[in-house]
Amino acid sequence: MTVKTTYIQTLDGKTKIEWWEKSDFQGRSTDIYTMNDKLQAEEQVAHIPIPDGVVLCDFCNEKIIEFPVAVMGSYALCKKCYEDIKKEGEDKYGQTS
C-alpha cells in the first residue's frame, strides 16, 4: 500500500493525514473482546470481517463514496468531517504552511 501523506492543524496540533484509495480498505476486520474490571481485554469473543465495499466515516458513520479518503490515525474521515476538523485547527492555530 502506497499512500500520500499530508499534515493539517487540528485541535491537538500538527496531525498526519494519510490518503487511502478504495482498494486500501480491502481485507479489514474487527475483533470483539471481553473486558475485566480494569477495562483490559481478556478474551477474544468474535472476529468479524468488514465487507470490502463498506467504508464509513469513523466520526459520523456516513458511507464514504469519494476516494481517496483522509485517514487520521486509524480513523477514516468523510469529506465533511475532514473539513470540520481542519477548520477547527486552522481557527485555533492558523493555516498549515
N, C-alpha and C. Protein backbone atom coordinates (compact mmCIF):
# COMPACT_ATOMS: atom_id res chain seq x y z
N MET A 1 0.85 -1.17 0.00
CA MET A 1 0.00 0.00 0.00
C MET A 1 0.89 1.24 0.00
N THR A 2 0.76 2.06 -1.00
CA THR A 2 1.47 3.33 -1.07
C THR A 2 0.44 4.44 -0.90
N VAL A 3 0.63 5.28 0.10
CA VAL A 3 -0.34 6.35 0.35
C VAL A 3 0.33 7.71 0.35
N LYS A 4 -0.43 8.70 -0.04
CA LYS A 4 0.03 10.08 0.04
C LYS A 4 -0.16 10.54 1.49
N THR A 5 0.80 11.29 2.01
CA THR A 5 0.72 11.78 3.38
C THR A 5 0.78 13.30 3.37
N THR A 6 -0.13 13.91 4.13
CA THR A 6 -0.12 15.35 4.33
C THR A 6 -0.26 15.61 5.82
N TYR A 7 -0.14 16.87 6.21
CA TYR A 7 -0.32 17.26 7.61
C TYR A 7 -1.28 18.43 7.67
N ILE A 8 -2.14 18.42 8.70
CA ILE A 8 -3.05 19.53 8.94
C ILE A 8 -2.95 19.93 10.41
N GLN A 9 -3.39 21.14 10.70
CA GLN A 9 -3.51 21.56 12.08
C GLN A 9 -4.86 21.08 12.61
N THR A 10 -4.85 20.41 13.76
CA THR A 10 -6.08 20.03 14.44
C THR A 10 -6.03 20.66 15.82
N LEU A 11 -7.03 20.43 16.62
CA LEU A 11 -7.02 20.96 17.98
C LEU A 11 -5.87 20.37 18.79
N ASP A 12 -5.34 19.22 18.35
CA ASP A 12 -4.20 18.59 19.02
C ASP A 12 -2.86 19.04 18.44
N GLY A 13 -2.88 19.97 17.48
CA GLY A 13 -1.65 20.43 16.85
C GLY A 13 -1.49 19.81 15.47
N LYS A 14 -0.25 19.75 15.00
CA LYS A 14 0.03 19.21 13.67
C LYS A 14 -0.26 17.71 13.65
N THR A 15 -1.10 17.29 12.68
CA THR A 15 -1.58 15.91 12.64
C THR A 15 -1.37 15.31 11.25
N LYS A 16 -0.86 14.09 11.23
CA LYS A 16 -0.61 13.38 9.98
C LYS A 16 -1.92 12.84 9.40
N ILE A 17 -2.10 13.06 8.10
CA ILE A 17 -3.24 12.53 7.36
C ILE A 17 -2.71 11.65 6.23
N GLU A 18 -3.21 10.43 6.15
CA GLU A 18 -2.91 9.56 5.01
C GLU A 18 -4.12 9.56 4.10
N TRP A 19 -3.89 9.45 2.81
CA TRP A 19 -4.95 9.44 1.81
C TRP A 19 -5.04 8.05 1.21
N TRP A 20 -6.11 7.32 1.54
CA TRP A 20 -6.28 5.93 1.12
C TRP A 20 -7.24 5.84 -0.07
N GLU A 21 -6.90 4.97 -1.00
CA GLU A 21 -7.78 4.62 -2.11
C GLU A 21 -8.75 3.53 -1.64
N LYS A 22 -9.79 3.29 -2.41
CA LYS A 22 -10.78 2.28 -2.03
C LYS A 22 -10.13 0.91 -1.82
N SER A 23 -9.16 0.58 -2.65
CA SER A 23 -8.50 -0.74 -2.54
C SER A 23 -7.73 -0.89 -1.24
N ASP A 24 -7.32 0.22 -0.62
CA ASP A 24 -6.58 0.15 0.65
C ASP A 24 -7.45 -0.32 1.81
N PHE A 25 -8.77 -0.30 1.64
CA PHE A 25 -9.68 -0.70 2.71
C PHE A 25 -10.06 -2.19 2.62
N GLN A 26 -9.51 -2.92 1.66
CA GLN A 26 -9.85 -4.33 1.49
C GLN A 26 -9.21 -5.19 2.58
N GLY A 27 -9.90 -6.25 2.95
CA GLY A 27 -9.35 -7.23 3.89
C GLY A 27 -9.38 -6.78 5.35
N ARG A 28 -10.24 -5.82 5.69
CA ARG A 28 -10.30 -5.35 7.08
C ARG A 28 -11.17 -6.26 7.93
N SER A 29 -10.96 -6.18 9.24
CA SER A 29 -11.80 -6.92 10.18
C SER A 29 -11.75 -6.22 11.52
N THR A 30 -12.63 -6.63 12.40
CA THR A 30 -12.63 -6.10 13.76
C THR A 30 -12.76 -7.26 14.73
N ASP A 31 -12.24 -7.09 15.91
CA ASP A 31 -12.31 -8.12 16.95
C ASP A 31 -13.08 -7.59 18.14
N ILE A 32 -13.85 -8.46 18.77
CA ILE A 32 -14.59 -8.11 19.97
C ILE A 32 -14.03 -8.94 21.12
N TYR A 33 -13.74 -8.27 22.23
CA TYR A 33 -13.15 -8.91 23.40
C TYR A 33 -14.01 -8.70 24.63
N THR A 34 -13.90 -9.62 25.59
CA THR A 34 -14.47 -9.37 26.91
C THR A 34 -13.47 -8.50 27.67
N MET A 35 -13.96 -7.75 28.65
CA MET A 35 -13.10 -6.85 29.43
C MET A 35 -13.16 -7.24 30.91
N ASN A 36 -12.05 -7.02 31.62
CA ASN A 36 -12.06 -7.27 33.06
C ASN A 36 -12.42 -5.98 33.81
N ASP A 37 -12.37 -6.03 35.13
CA ASP A 37 -12.73 -4.86 35.95
C ASP A 37 -11.84 -3.65 35.71
N LYS A 38 -10.62 -3.87 35.21
CA LYS A 38 -9.69 -2.78 34.94
C LYS A 38 -9.77 -2.31 33.48
N LEU A 39 -10.84 -2.74 32.79
CA LEU A 39 -11.07 -2.41 31.38
C LEU A 39 -9.92 -2.85 30.49
N GLN A 40 -9.38 -4.01 30.77
CA GLN A 40 -8.34 -4.62 29.94
C GLN A 40 -8.97 -5.79 29.19
N ALA A 41 -8.58 -5.94 27.93
CA ALA A 41 -9.10 -7.05 27.12
C ALA A 41 -8.65 -8.37 27.72
N GLU A 42 -9.60 -9.30 27.82
CA GLU A 42 -9.27 -10.62 28.37
C GLU A 42 -9.34 -11.72 27.33
N GLU A 43 -10.47 -11.85 26.69
CA GLU A 43 -10.67 -12.98 25.79
C GLU A 43 -11.37 -12.49 24.51
N GLN A 44 -10.86 -12.95 23.37
CA GLN A 44 -11.49 -12.60 22.10
C GLN A 44 -12.78 -13.40 21.97
N VAL A 45 -13.88 -12.68 21.73
CA VAL A 45 -15.19 -13.31 21.62
C VAL A 45 -15.55 -13.55 20.16
N ALA A 46 -15.21 -12.59 19.30
CA ALA A 46 -15.59 -12.71 17.89
C ALA A 46 -14.59 -11.99 17.00
N HIS A 47 -14.41 -12.52 15.81
CA HIS A 47 -13.61 -11.89 14.76
C HIS A 47 -14.56 -11.66 13.59
N ILE A 48 -14.81 -10.39 13.26
CA ILE A 48 -15.82 -10.05 12.26
C ILE A 48 -15.17 -9.39 11.05
N PRO A 49 -15.26 -10.03 9.88
CA PRO A 49 -14.73 -9.38 8.66
C PRO A 49 -15.63 -8.21 8.26
N ILE A 50 -15.02 -7.15 7.73
CA ILE A 50 -15.76 -5.99 7.25
C ILE A 50 -15.80 -6.08 5.72
N PRO A 51 -16.99 -6.03 5.13
CA PRO A 51 -17.09 -6.12 3.66
C PRO A 51 -16.23 -5.05 2.99
N ASP A 52 -15.52 -5.43 1.94
CA ASP A 52 -14.62 -4.51 1.24
C ASP A 52 -15.32 -3.27 0.72
N GLY A 53 -16.58 -3.37 0.32
CA GLY A 53 -17.30 -2.24 -0.24
C GLY A 53 -17.88 -1.28 0.78
N VAL A 54 -17.70 -1.57 2.07
CA VAL A 54 -18.26 -0.73 3.12
C VAL A 54 -17.15 0.10 3.76
N VAL A 55 -17.19 1.41 3.52
CA VAL A 55 -16.25 2.34 4.15
C VAL A 55 -17.09 3.43 4.77
N LEU A 56 -17.06 3.52 6.10
CA LEU A 56 -17.84 4.51 6.83
C LEU A 56 -16.93 5.50 7.51
N CYS A 57 -17.41 6.73 7.65
CA CYS A 57 -16.69 7.74 8.41
C CYS A 57 -16.72 7.31 9.88
N ASP A 58 -15.56 7.29 10.50
CA ASP A 58 -15.48 6.88 11.90
C ASP A 58 -15.97 7.96 12.86
N PHE A 59 -16.29 9.15 12.36
CA PHE A 59 -16.80 10.22 13.21
C PHE A 59 -18.32 10.36 13.11
N CYS A 60 -18.88 10.28 11.90
CA CYS A 60 -20.33 10.50 11.75
C CYS A 60 -21.08 9.28 11.19
N ASN A 61 -20.35 8.23 10.81
CA ASN A 61 -20.92 6.98 10.29
C ASN A 61 -21.55 7.09 8.90
N GLU A 62 -21.30 8.18 8.19
CA GLU A 62 -21.79 8.29 6.81
C GLU A 62 -20.99 7.35 5.92
N LYS A 63 -21.65 6.77 4.92
CA LYS A 63 -20.95 5.94 3.96
C LYS A 63 -20.06 6.82 3.09
N ILE A 64 -18.81 6.42 2.92
CA ILE A 64 -17.85 7.17 2.12
C ILE A 64 -17.85 6.59 0.71
N ILE A 65 -18.07 7.48 -0.26
CA ILE A 65 -18.13 7.02 -1.66
C ILE A 65 -17.11 7.74 -2.53
N GLU A 66 -16.46 8.78 -2.00
CA GLU A 66 -15.45 9.52 -2.76
C GLU A 66 -14.06 9.14 -2.26
N PHE A 67 -13.18 8.85 -3.19
CA PHE A 67 -11.82 8.44 -2.84
C PHE A 67 -10.84 9.33 -3.58
N PRO A 68 -9.63 9.55 -3.05
CA PRO A 68 -9.08 8.97 -1.83
C PRO A 68 -9.73 9.56 -0.57
N VAL A 69 -9.58 8.83 0.54
CA VAL A 69 -10.19 9.17 1.82
C VAL A 69 -9.10 9.60 2.79
N ALA A 70 -9.38 10.67 3.54
CA ALA A 70 -8.47 11.10 4.60
C ALA A 70 -8.56 10.11 5.75
N VAL A 71 -7.39 9.61 6.20
CA VAL A 71 -7.33 8.72 7.35
C VAL A 71 -6.42 9.37 8.39
N MET A 72 -6.99 9.65 9.55
CA MET A 72 -6.26 10.30 10.64
C MET A 72 -6.05 9.26 11.74
N GLY A 73 -4.80 8.83 11.90
CA GLY A 73 -4.54 7.71 12.81
C GLY A 73 -5.14 6.47 12.20
N SER A 74 -6.15 5.90 12.87
CA SER A 74 -6.85 4.74 12.30
C SER A 74 -8.29 5.10 11.92
N TYR A 75 -8.60 6.40 11.87
CA TYR A 75 -9.96 6.85 11.62
C TYR A 75 -10.14 7.35 10.19
N ALA A 76 -11.07 6.73 9.46
CA ALA A 76 -11.44 7.20 8.12
C ALA A 76 -12.39 8.38 8.30
N LEU A 77 -12.19 9.43 7.49
CA LEU A 77 -13.00 10.64 7.61
C LEU A 77 -13.70 10.95 6.30
N CYS A 78 -15.00 11.22 6.38
CA CYS A 78 -15.70 11.71 5.19
C CYS A 78 -15.21 13.12 4.92
N LYS A 79 -15.55 13.64 3.75
CA LYS A 79 -15.06 14.97 3.36
C LYS A 79 -15.51 16.04 4.35
N LYS A 80 -16.77 15.98 4.81
CA LYS A 80 -17.29 16.99 5.73
C LYS A 80 -16.55 16.95 7.07
N CYS A 81 -16.37 15.77 7.65
CA CYS A 81 -15.68 15.67 8.93
C CYS A 81 -14.23 16.11 8.81
N TYR A 82 -13.58 15.74 7.71
CA TYR A 82 -12.20 16.18 7.48
C TYR A 82 -12.13 17.71 7.44
N GLU A 83 -13.02 18.33 6.67
CA GLU A 83 -13.02 19.79 6.57
C GLU A 83 -13.33 20.44 7.91
N ASP A 84 -14.26 19.86 8.68
CA ASP A 84 -14.59 20.41 10.01
C ASP A 84 -13.39 20.35 10.95
N ILE A 85 -12.70 19.22 10.97
CA ILE A 85 -11.53 19.05 11.84
C ILE A 85 -10.42 20.01 11.41
N LYS A 86 -10.21 20.11 10.12
CA LYS A 86 -9.17 21.00 9.60
C LYS A 86 -9.49 22.46 9.94
N LYS A 87 -10.76 22.87 9.79
CA LYS A 87 -11.16 24.25 10.07
C LYS A 87 -10.98 24.57 11.56
N GLU A 88 -11.36 23.65 12.45
CA GLU A 88 -11.19 23.88 13.88
C GLU A 88 -9.73 24.14 14.22
N GLY A 89 -8.83 23.35 13.63
CA GLY A 89 -7.40 23.53 13.88
C GLY A 89 -6.87 24.84 13.32
N GLU A 90 -7.33 25.18 12.11
CA GLU A 90 -6.90 26.44 11.49
C GLU A 90 -7.41 27.64 12.28
N ASP A 91 -8.64 27.54 12.81
CA ASP A 91 -9.20 28.63 13.61
C ASP A 91 -8.40 28.84 14.89
N LYS A 92 -7.86 27.74 15.44
CA LYS A 92 -7.09 27.84 16.69
C LYS A 92 -5.63 28.21 16.45
N TYR A 93 -5.01 27.59 15.44
CA TYR A 93 -3.56 27.73 15.25
C TYR A 93 -3.16 28.49 13.99
N GLY A 94 -4.08 28.74 13.08
CA GLY A 94 -3.72 29.31 11.79
C GLY A 94 -3.52 28.21 10.77
N GLN A 95 -3.39 28.56 9.52
CA GLN A 95 -3.26 27.57 8.45
C GLN A 95 -1.90 26.88 8.49
N THR A 96 -1.92 25.60 8.02
CA THR A 96 -0.69 24.83 7.90
C THR A 96 0.14 25.41 6.76
N SER A 97 1.43 25.58 7.00
CA SER A 97 2.28 26.11 5.93
C SER A 97 2.75 25.04 4.99
